[in-house]
Amino acid sequence: MANENNDAPSERRRGRYPKEFRRDAAALVIDQRRTIADVGRELGVVEQTLGNWVRQERIDRGLAEG
């Protein structure tokens, strides 16, 4: 029998968050001056991932060079 992946779909698979969700999450950090850790916990997003979104949103807004 071929080696099949028996993990549930939510396991070992990265999901993509909608662009609007990423932008809104980053806005909570930028506009409300909340910490990445706080927003990440609230939304269930890994800090490193949210940090990437915040960095990109700052670039998109012209607040940082990219």
C-alpha atoms as a PDB file:
ATOM      1  CA  MET A   1       0.000   0.000   0.000  1.00  0.00           C
ATOM      2  CA  ALA A   2       1.250   3.504  -0.788  1.00  0.00           C
ATOM      3  CA  ASN A   3       2.303   5.724   2.076  1.00  0.00           C
ATOM      4  CA  GLU A   4      -0.747   7.874   2.777  1.00  0.00           C
ATOM      5  CA  ASN A   5      -0.918  10.953   4.949  1.00  0.00           C
ATOM      6  CA  ASN A   6      -3.526  10.089   7.592  1.00  0.00           C
ATOM      7  CA  ASP A   7      -3.287  13.407   9.440  1.00  0.00           C
ATOM      8  CA  ALA A   8      -6.454  15.415   9.721  1.00  0.00           C
ATOM      9  CA  PRO A   9      -6.552  18.295   7.218  1.00  0.00           C
ATOM     10  CA  SER A  10      -5.972  20.876   9.964  1.00  0.00           C
ATOM     11  CA  GLU A  11      -2.813  19.136  11.149  1.00  0.00           C
ATOM     12  CA  ARG A  12       0.592  19.668   9.567  1.00  0.00           C
ATOM     13  CA  ARG A  13      -0.883  22.041   7.027  1.00  0.00           C
ATOM     14  CA  ARG A  14      -0.622  25.777   6.903  1.00  0.00           C
ATOM     15  CA  GLY A  15      -3.729  27.725   6.170  1.00  0.00           C
ATOM     16  CA  ARG A  16      -3.751  31.022   4.396  1.00  0.00           C
ATOM     17  CA  TYR A  17      -5.474  33.894   6.094  1.00  0.00           C
ATOM     18  CA  PRO A  18      -7.542  36.242   3.919  1.00  0.00           C
ATOM     19  CA  LYS A  19      -5.787  39.477   2.989  1.00  0.00           C
ATOM     20  CA  GLU A  20      -8.400  41.553   4.797  1.00  0.00           C
ATOM     21  CA  PHE A  21      -7.847  39.575   8.025  1.00  0.00           C
ATOM     22  CA  ARG A  22      -4.076  40.096   7.793  1.00  0.00           C
ATOM     23  CA  ARG A  23      -4.484  43.832   7.230  1.00  0.00           C
ATOM     24  CA  ASP A  24      -7.019  44.193  10.057  1.00  0.00           C
ATOM     25  CA  ALA A  25      -4.787  42.252  12.443  1.00  0.00           C
ATOM     26  CA  ALA A  26      -1.797  44.439  11.558  1.00  0.00           C
ATOM     27  CA  ALA A  27      -3.936  47.543  12.013  1.00  0.00           C
ATOM     28  CA  LEU A  28      -4.698  46.514  15.601  1.00  0.00           C
ATOM     29  CA  VAL A  29      -0.967  46.643  16.303  1.00  0.00           C
ATOM     30  CA  ILE A  30      -0.205  49.808  14.325  1.00  0.00           C
ATOM     31  CA  ASP A  31      -3.293  51.949  14.944  1.00  0.00           C
ATOM     32  CA  GLN A  32      -4.146  50.903  18.482  1.00  0.00           C
ATOM     33  CA  ARG A  33      -0.505  50.586  19.546  1.00  0.00           C
ATOM     34  CA  ARG A  34      -1.065  47.106  20.939  1.00  0.00           C
ATOM     35  CA  THR A  35       1.716  44.565  21.156  1.00  0.00           C
ATOM     36  CA  ILE A  36       2.138  41.838  18.590  1.00  0.00           C
ATOM     37  CA  ALA A  37       2.014  39.283  21.410  1.00  0.00           C
ATOM     38  CA  ASP A  38      -1.320  40.628  22.707  1.00  0.00           C
ATOM     39  CA  VAL A  39      -3.008  40.729  19.311  1.00  0.00           C
ATOM     40  CA  GLY A  40      -1.536  37.374  18.337  1.00  0.00           C
ATOM     41  CA  ARG A  41      -2.944  35.731  21.472  1.00  0.00           C
ATOM     42  CA  GLU A  42      -6.355  37.315  20.932  1.00  0.00           C
ATOM     43  CA  LEU A  43      -6.579  36.202  17.308  1.00  0.00           C
ATOM     44  CA  GLY A  44      -4.780  32.883  17.633  1.00  0.00           C
ATOM     45  CA  VAL A  45      -1.964  33.883  15.287  1.00  0.00           C
ATOM     46  CA  VAL A  46       1.698  33.059  15.870  1.00  0.00           C
ATOM     47  CA  GLU A  47       3.699  36.163  16.833  1.00  0.00           C
ATOM     48  CA  GLN A  48       6.233  35.735  14.033  1.00  0.00           C
ATOM     49  CA  THR A  49       3.457  35.527  11.448  1.00  0.00           C
ATOM     50  CA  LEU A  50       1.675  38.589  12.795  1.00  0.00           C
ATOM     51  CA  GLY A  51       4.981  40.445  12.933  1.00  0.00           C
ATOM     52  CA  ASN A  52       5.461  39.749   9.233  1.00  0.00           C
ATOM     53  CA  TRP A  53       2.001  41.129   8.509  1.00  0.00           C
ATOM     54  CA  VAL A  54       2.717  44.262  10.569  1.00  0.00           C
ATOM     55  CA  ARG A  55       6.008  44.816   8.759  1.00  0.00           C
ATOM     56  CA  GLN A  56       4.295  44.488   5.368  1.00  0.00           C
ATOM     57  CA  GLU A  57       1.425  46.780   6.377  1.00  0.00           C
ATOM     58  CA  ARG A  58       3.904  49.454   7.464  1.00  0.00           C
ATOM     59  CA  ILE A  59       5.572  49.184   4.066  1.00  0.00           C
ATOM     60  CA  ASP A  60       2.219  49.348   2.280  1.00  0.00           C
ATOM     61  CA  ARG A  61       1.275  52.466   4.247  1.00  0.00           C
ATOM     62  CA  GLY A  62       4.586  54.137   3.472  1.00  0.00           C
ATOM     63  CA  LEU A  63       5.644  54.069   7.127  1.00  0.00           C
ATOM     64  CA  ALA A  64       8.695  51.921   6.443  1.00  0.00           C
ATOM     65  CA  GLU A  65      10.962  51.215   3.522  1.00  0.00           C
ATOM     66  CA  GLY A  66      10.532  47.944   1.786  1.00  0.00           C
END
